[in-house]
C-alpha atoms as a PDB file:
ATOM      1  CA  UNK A   1       1.705  -7.551 -21.927  1.00  0.00           C
ATOM      2  CA  UNK A   2      -0.358  -5.881 -18.824  1.00  0.00           C
ATOM      3  CA  UNK A   3       1.544  -6.528 -15.658  1.00  0.00           C
ATOM      4  CA  UNK A   4      -0.072  -7.374 -12.268  1.00  0.00           C
ATOM      5  CA  UNK A   5      -0.376  -3.572 -11.394  1.00  0.00           C
ATOM      6  CA  UNK A   6      -2.099  -2.709 -14.065  1.00  0.00           C
ATOM      7  CA  UNK A   7      -4.578  -5.316 -13.418  1.00  0.00           C
ATOM      8  CA  UNK A   8      -5.061  -4.017  -9.640  1.00  0.00           C
ATOM      9  CA  UNK A   9      -5.731  -0.773 -10.899  1.00  0.00           C
ATOM     10  CA  UNK A  10      -8.361  -1.497 -13.319  1.00  0.00           C
ATOM     11  CA  UNK A  11      -9.883  -3.970 -10.971  1.00  0.00           C
ATOM     12  CA  UNK A  12      -9.977  -1.088  -8.239  1.00  0.00           C
ATOM     13  CA  UNK A  13     -11.762   0.992 -10.437  1.00  0.00           C
ATOM     14  CA  UNK A  14     -14.586  -1.152 -11.195  1.00  0.00           C
ATOM     15  CA  UNK A  15     -14.791  -1.221  -7.432  1.00  0.00           C
ATOM     16  CA  UNK A  16     -14.702   2.679  -7.121  1.00  0.00           C
ATOM     17  CA  UNK A  17     -17.558   2.291 -10.059  1.00  0.00           C
ATOM     18  CA  UNK A  18     -19.684  -0.170  -7.931  1.00  0.00           C
ATOM     19  CA  UNK A  19     -19.131   2.078  -4.623  1.00  0.00           C
ATOM     20  CA  UNK A  20     -20.375   5.237  -6.502  1.00  0.00           C
ATOM     21  CA  UNK A  21     -23.542   3.552  -8.295  1.00  0.00           C
ATOM     22  CA  UNK A  22     -26.958   4.135  -6.679  1.00  0.00           C
ATOM     23  CA  UNK A  23     -26.424   1.025  -5.091  1.00  0.00           C
ATOM     24  CA  UNK A  24     -23.297   0.670  -3.472  1.00  0.00           C
ATOM     25  CA  UNK A  25     -21.711  -2.652  -3.018  1.00  0.00           C
ATOM     26  CA  UNK A  26     -18.107  -4.260  -2.845  1.00  0.00           C
ATOM     27  CA  UNK A  27     -18.386  -7.518  -4.607  1.00  0.00           C
ATOM     28  CA  UNK A  28     -16.123 -10.109  -2.624  1.00  0.00           C
ATOM     29  CA  UNK A  29     -15.357 -11.515  -6.059  1.00  0.00           C
ATOM     30  CA  UNK A  30     -13.477  -8.690  -7.102  1.00  0.00           C
ATOM     31  CA  UNK A  31     -12.015  -8.604  -3.567  1.00  0.00           C
ATOM     32  CA  UNK A  32     -10.746 -11.867  -4.122  1.00  0.00           C
ATOM     33  CA  UNK A  33      -9.267 -11.060  -7.674  1.00  0.00           C
ATOM     34  CA  UNK A  34      -7.316  -7.752  -6.198  1.00  0.00           C
ATOM     35  CA  UNK A  35      -5.838 -10.090  -3.725  1.00  0.00           C
ATOM     36  CA  UNK A  36      -4.599 -12.354  -6.421  1.00  0.00           C
ATOM     37  CA  UNK A  37      -3.007  -9.941  -8.515  1.00  0.00           C
ATOM     38  CA  UNK A  38      -1.584  -8.104  -5.544  1.00  0.00           C
ATOM     39  CA  UNK A  39       0.009 -11.183  -4.373  1.00  0.00           C
ATOM     40  CA  UNK A  40       1.748 -11.440  -8.254  1.00  0.00           C
ATOM     41  CA  UNK A  41       2.604  -7.864  -7.585  1.00  0.00           C
ATOM     42  CA  UNK A  42       4.670  -8.372  -3.870  1.00  0.00           C
ATOM     43  CA  UNK A  43       6.268 -11.259  -5.465  1.00  0.00           C
ATOM     44  CA  UNK A  44       7.455  -9.870  -8.263  1.00  0.00           C
ATOM     45  CA  UNK A  45       9.219  -7.390  -5.769  1.00  0.00           C
ATOM     46  CA  UNK A  46      11.690 -10.044  -4.994  1.00  0.00           C
ATOM     47  CA  UNK A  47      13.886  -9.735  -2.019  1.00  0.00           C
ATOM     48  CA  UNK A  48      12.746  -9.512   1.666  1.00  0.00           C
ATOM     49  CA  UNK A  49       9.180  -8.861   0.672  1.00  0.00           C
ATOM     50  CA  UNK A  50       8.661 -12.232  -0.676  1.00  0.00           C
ATOM     51  CA  UNK A  51       6.998 -13.443   2.540  1.00  0.00           C
ATOM     52  CA  UNK A  52       4.289 -11.018   2.393  1.00  0.00           C
ATOM     53  CA  UNK A  53       3.356 -12.494  -1.008  1.00  0.00           C
ATOM     54  CA  UNK A  54       2.170 -15.777   1.056  1.00  0.00           C
ATOM     55  CA  UNK A  55       0.318 -13.561   3.609  1.00  0.00           C
ATOM     56  CA  UNK A  56      -1.495 -11.729   1.130  1.00  0.00           C
ATOM     57  CA  UNK A  57      -2.317 -15.328  -1.158  1.00  0.00           C
ATOM     58  CA  UNK A  58      -3.360 -16.353   2.308  1.00  0.00           C
ATOM     59  CA  UNK A  59      -6.065 -13.980   2.315  1.00  0.00           C
ATOM     60  CA  UNK A  60      -6.906 -14.389  -1.114  1.00  0.00           C
ATOM     61  CA  UNK A  61      -8.089 -17.774  -0.050  1.00  0.00           C
ATOM     62  CA  UNK A  62      -9.967 -16.927   3.108  1.00  0.00           C
ATOM     63  CA  UNK A  63     -11.835 -14.086   0.878  1.00  0.00           C
ATOM     64  CA  UNK A  64     -12.652 -16.809  -1.817  1.00  0.00           C
ATOM     65  CA  UNK A  65     -14.155 -18.900   0.904  1.00  0.00           C
ATOM     66  CA  UNK A  66     -16.058 -15.742   2.280  1.00  0.00           C
ATOM     67  CA  UNK A  67     -17.417 -15.328  -1.454  1.00  0.00           C
ATOM     68  CA  UNK A  68     -18.809 -18.471  -1.438  1.00  0.00           C
ATOM     69  CA  UNK A  69     -20.695 -17.801   1.423  1.00  0.00           C
ATOM     70  CA  UNK A  70     -21.511 -13.854   1.351  1.00  0.00           C
ATOM     71  CA  UNK A  71     -21.074 -12.488  -2.168  1.00  0.00           C
ATOM     72  CA  UNK A  72     -20.604  -9.115  -0.880  1.00  0.00           C
ATOM     73  CA  UNK A  73     -18.835  -7.351   1.883  1.00  0.00           C
ATOM     74  CA  UNK A  74     -21.629  -5.739   3.146  1.00  0.00           C
ATOM     75  CA  UNK A  75     -23.808  -9.072   3.720  1.00  0.00           C
ATOM     76  CA  UNK A  76     -20.621 -10.566   4.897  1.00  0.00           C
ATOM     77  CA  UNK A  77     -20.211  -7.620   7.615  1.00  0.00           C
ATOM     78  CA  UNK A  78     -23.686  -7.803   8.932  1.00  0.00           C
ATOM     79  CA  UNK A  79     -23.817 -11.490   9.083  1.00  0.00           C
ATOM     80  CA  UNK A  80     -20.455 -12.287  10.663  1.00  0.00           C
ATOM     81  CA  UNK A  81     -21.385  -9.217  13.276  1.00  0.00           C
ATOM     82  CA  UNK A  82     -25.255  -9.881  13.998  1.00  0.00           C
ATOM     83  CA  UNK A  83     -24.015 -13.406  14.708  1.00  0.00           C
ATOM     84  CA  UNK A  84     -20.907 -12.800  17.113  1.00  0.00           C
ATOM     85  CA  UNK A  85     -18.268 -14.107  14.554  1.00  0.00           C
ATOM     86  CA  UNK A  86     -16.564 -10.895  13.305  1.00  0.00           C
ATOM     87  CA  UNK A  87     -14.297 -10.541  16.541  1.00  0.00           C
ATOM     88  CA  UNK A  88     -12.689 -13.808  16.190  1.00  0.00           C
ATOM     89  CA  UNK A  89      -8.890 -13.402  15.166  1.00  0.00           C
ATOM     90  CA  UNK A  90      -9.794 -15.898  11.774  1.00  0.00           C
ATOM     91  CA  UNK A  91     -12.869 -14.141  10.891  1.00  0.00           C
ATOM     92  CA  UNK A  92     -13.657 -13.348   7.054  1.00  0.00           C
ATOM     93  CA  UNK A  93     -14.731  -9.570   8.476  1.00  0.00           C
ATOM     94  CA  UNK A  94     -10.844  -9.271  10.247  1.00  0.00           C
ATOM     95  CA  UNK A  95      -9.128 -10.904   7.388  1.00  0.00           C
ATOM     96  CA  UNK A  96     -10.904  -8.622   4.808  1.00  0.00           C
ATOM     97  CA  UNK A  97     -10.247  -5.372   6.970  1.00  0.00           C
ATOM     98  CA  UNK A  98      -6.353  -6.554   7.155  1.00  0.00           C
ATOM     99  CA  UNK A  99      -6.651  -6.225   2.780  1.00  0.00           C
ATOM    100  CA  UNK A 100      -7.887  -3.133   3.629  1.00  0.00           C
ATOM    101  CA  UNK A 101      -5.221  -1.627   5.060  1.00  0.00           C
ATOM    102  CA  UNK A 102      -2.819  -3.110   3.028  1.00  0.00           C
ATOM    103  CA  UNK A 103      -5.015  -0.964  -0.038  1.00  0.00           C
ATOM    104  CA  UNK A 104      -4.029   1.768   2.275  1.00  0.00           C
ATOM    105  CA  UNK A 105      -0.461   1.060   2.235  1.00  0.00           C
ATOM    106  CA  UNK A 106      -0.046   0.760  -0.984  1.00  0.00           C
ATOM    107  CA  UNK A 107      -1.923   4.463  -1.754  1.00  0.00           C
ATOM    108  CA  UNK A 108       0.426   6.080   0.768  1.00  0.00           C
ATOM    109  CA  UNK A 109       3.669   4.621  -0.543  1.00  0.00           C
ATOM    110  CA  UNK A 110       2.654   5.940  -4.044  1.00  0.00           C
ATOM    111  CA  UNK A 111       1.506   9.611  -2.723  1.00  0.00           C
ATOM    112  CA  UNK A 112       4.792   9.658  -1.166  1.00  0.00           C
ATOM    113  CA  UNK A 113       6.822   8.165  -3.880  1.00  0.00           C
ATOM    114  CA  UNK A 114       4.946  10.741  -6.303  1.00  0.00           C
ATOM    115  CA  UNK A 115       5.822  13.924  -4.015  1.00  0.00           C
ATOM    116  CA  UNK A 116       9.539  13.009  -3.024  1.00  0.00           C
ATOM    117  CA  UNK A 117      12.583  13.672  -4.852  1.00  0.00           C
ATOM    118  CA  UNK A 118      15.414  10.920  -4.763  1.00  0.00           C
ATOM    119  CA  UNK A 119      15.875   7.391  -5.914  1.00  0.00           C
ATOM    120  CA  UNK A 120      15.404   5.489  -2.696  1.00  0.00           C
ATOM    121  CA  UNK A 121      11.957   4.115  -1.904  1.00  0.00           C
ATOM    122  CA  UNK A 122      12.876   3.921   1.801  1.00  0.00           C
ATOM    123  CA  UNK A 123      11.443   6.696   3.353  1.00  0.00           C
ATOM    124  CA  UNK A 124       8.006   6.512   1.301  1.00  0.00           C
ATOM    125  CA  UNK A 125       7.855   2.827   2.262  1.00  0.00           C
ATOM    126  CA  UNK A 126       8.577   3.557   5.956  1.00  0.00           C
ATOM    127  CA  UNK A 127       6.061   6.775   5.951  1.00  0.00           C
ATOM    128  CA  UNK A 128       3.395   4.152   4.674  1.00  0.00           C
ATOM    129  CA  UNK A 129       3.845   1.171   6.946  1.00  0.00           C
ATOM    130  CA  UNK A 130       4.095   4.005   9.889  1.00  0.00           C
ATOM    131  CA  UNK A 131       0.975   5.330   9.195  1.00  0.00           C
ATOM    132  CA  UNK A 132      -0.860   2.512   8.462  1.00  0.00           C
ATOM    133  CA  UNK A 133       0.598  -0.189  10.233  1.00  0.00           C
ATOM    134  CA  UNK A 134       2.921   1.181  12.691  1.00  0.00           C
ATOM    135  CA  UNK A 135       0.502   1.728  15.519  1.00  0.00           C
ATOM    136  CA  UNK A 136      -0.801  -2.065  15.430  1.00  0.00           C
ATOM    137  CA  UNK A 137       2.518  -3.664  15.921  1.00  0.00           C
ATOM    138  CA  UNK A 138       5.476  -4.329  18.612  1.00  0.00           C
ATOM    139  CA  UNK A 139       8.922  -3.079  18.532  1.00  0.00           C
ATOM    140  CA  UNK A 140      10.076  -6.728  17.347  1.00  0.00           C
ATOM    141  CA  UNK A 141       7.762  -6.464  14.159  1.00  0.00           C
ATOM    142  CA  UNK A 142       8.490  -2.803  13.421  1.00  0.00           C
ATOM    143  CA  UNK A 143      12.359  -3.462  13.794  1.00  0.00           C
ATOM    144  CA  UNK A 144      12.063  -6.563  11.306  1.00  0.00           C
ATOM    145  CA  UNK A 145      10.166  -4.588   8.778  1.00  0.00           C
ATOM    146  CA  UNK A 146      12.180  -1.774   8.870  1.00  0.00           C
ATOM    147  CA  UNK A 147      15.232  -4.213   8.085  1.00  0.00           C
ATOM    148  CA  UNK A 148      13.671  -5.468   5.010  1.00  0.00           C
ATOM    149  CA  UNK A 149      12.697  -2.026   3.869  1.00  0.00           C
ATOM    150  CA  UNK A 150      16.457  -1.345   3.410  1.00  0.00           C
ATOM    151  CA  UNK A 151      16.430  -4.444   0.414  1.00  0.00           C
ATOM    152  CA  UNK A 152      13.933  -2.582  -1.665  1.00  0.00           C
ATOM    153  CA  UNK A 153      14.727  -1.515  -5.041  1.00  0.00           C
ATOM    154  CA  UNK A 154      15.033   1.653  -5.861  1.00  0.00           C
ATOM    155  CA  UNK A 155      12.438   3.970  -7.460  1.00  0.00           C
ATOM    156  CA  UNK A 156      13.725   3.577 -10.884  1.00  0.00           C
ATOM    157  CA  UNK A 157      13.480  -0.263 -11.113  1.00  0.00           C
ATOM    158  CA  UNK A 158      10.337  -0.066  -9.037  1.00  0.00           C
ATOM    159  CA  UNK A 159       8.329   2.251 -11.933  1.00  0.00           C
ATOM    160  CA  UNK A 160       9.715   0.123 -14.262  1.00  0.00           C
ATOM    161  CA  UNK A 161       8.245  -2.902 -12.630  1.00  0.00           C
ATOM    162  CA  UNK A 162       4.970  -1.188 -12.663  1.00  0.00           C
ATOM    163  CA  UNK A 163       5.457  -0.523 -16.018  1.00  0.00           C
ATOM    164  CA  UNK A 164       8.101  -0.142 -18.633  1.00  0.00           C
ATOM    165  CA  UNK A 165       7.057   3.684 -19.644  1.00  0.00           C
ATOM    166  CA  UNK A 166       7.915   6.135 -16.869  1.00  0.00           C
ATOM    167  CA  UNK A 167       5.239   8.451 -17.101  1.00  0.00           C
ATOM    168  CA  UNK A 168       2.669   5.749 -17.515  1.00  0.00           C
ATOM    169  CA  UNK A 169       3.663   4.237 -14.407  1.00  0.00           C
ATOM    170  CA  UNK A 170       3.138   7.379 -12.764  1.00  0.00           C
ATOM    171  CA  UNK A 171      -0.214   7.594 -14.426  1.00  0.00           C
ATOM    172  CA  UNK A 172      -0.915   4.054 -12.810  1.00  0.00           C
ATOM    173  CA  UNK A 173      -0.254   4.799  -9.480  1.00  0.00           C
ATOM    174  CA  UNK A 174      -2.742   8.494  -9.442  1.00  0.00           C
ATOM    175  CA  UNK A 175      -5.204   6.064 -10.740  1.00  0.00           C
ATOM    176  CA  UNK A 176      -4.830   3.611  -7.979  1.00  0.00           C
ATOM    177  CA  UNK A 177      -4.279   6.582  -5.434  1.00  0.00           C
ATOM    178  CA  UNK A 178      -7.933   8.173  -6.684  1.00  0.00           C
ATOM    179  CA  UNK A 179      -9.929   4.469  -7.080  1.00  0.00           C
ATOM    180  CA  UNK A 180      -8.753   3.129  -3.918  1.00  0.00           C
ATOM    181  CA  UNK A 181      -9.249   6.394  -1.859  1.00  0.00           C
ATOM    182  CA  UNK A 182     -12.768   6.136  -2.814  1.00  0.00           C
ATOM    183  CA  UNK A 183     -13.120   2.159  -2.245  1.00  0.00           C
ATOM    184  CA  UNK A 184     -11.471   2.388   0.992  1.00  0.00           C
ATOM    185  CA  UNK A 185     -13.465   5.511   2.574  1.00  0.00           C
ATOM    186  CA  UNK A 186     -16.586   3.508   1.781  1.00  0.00           C
ATOM    187  CA  UNK A 187     -15.113   0.408   3.654  1.00  0.00           C
ATOM    188  CA  UNK A 188     -14.417   2.458   6.353  1.00  0.00           C
ATOM    189  CA  UNK A 189     -17.920   3.539   6.683  1.00  0.00           C
ATOM    190  CA  UNK A 190     -19.314   0.220   6.534  1.00  0.00           C
ATOM    191  CA  UNK A 191     -17.167  -0.537   9.638  1.00  0.00           C
ATOM    192  CA  UNK A 192     -17.795   2.793  11.349  1.00  0.00           C
ATOM    193  CA  UNK A 193     -21.736   2.249  10.910  1.00  0.00           C
ATOM    194  CA  UNK A 194     -21.767  -0.355  13.657  1.00  0.00           C
ATOM    195  CA  UNK A 195     -20.320  -0.470  17.169  1.00  0.00           C
ATOM    196  CA  UNK A 196     -18.912  -3.861  16.558  1.00  0.00           C
ATOM    197  CA  UNK A 197     -17.375  -2.412  13.579  1.00  0.00           C
ATOM    198  CA  UNK A 198     -15.751   0.967  15.734  1.00  0.00           C
ATOM    199  CA  UNK A 199     -14.388  -1.760  17.698  1.00  0.00           C
ATOM    200  CA  UNK A 200     -12.376  -3.759  14.974  1.00  0.00           C
ATOM    201  CA  UNK A 201     -11.000  -0.865  13.392  1.00  0.00           C
ATOM    202  CA  UNK A 202      -9.055  -0.602  16.707  1.00  0.00           C
ATOM    203  CA  UNK A 203      -7.652  -4.104  16.615  1.00  0.00           C
ATOM    204  CA  UNK A 204      -5.085  -5.609  14.116  1.00  0.00           C
END
């Protein structure tokens, strides 16, 4: 039986294939799909991180709404930036950027798991959080996140959650790292292609 993580990797690889094509694009329906799977995955972590599943599901609902209007991320960015909507805190563009950062966090988290010894996931998770979100959060939020990390399951249980075979779980992480690096780099370039997009990258 496929796990949510398997589905996330497969959709991310489909996105990678699309952005590497002759006519690169990011289909918002695929973004919605990966958000829904992400919510399932976070829910399976249990404990203190369950609240994050609600946040991811809310982002999925927003991307679903965006898909009905724009179909692709490229069209969404062009329309919302041109019409002065992108800077609004609740814009689809801002929600999408936050989900892109969540993908970055998972990529760095996996990189750190593969690179480190030991069974604790706190150091990899702290490294990923500090690198991706730390600069945007105040001290109170940071402390709450650090406290929640202490209740994270250990690496052995986490790898079992990803896949019932340890080596297969590590291979899934490697595949995610490769595909998400390509997709997130492409998306970052889309934002950096405009002055407003550059501004948004400095905002939470």
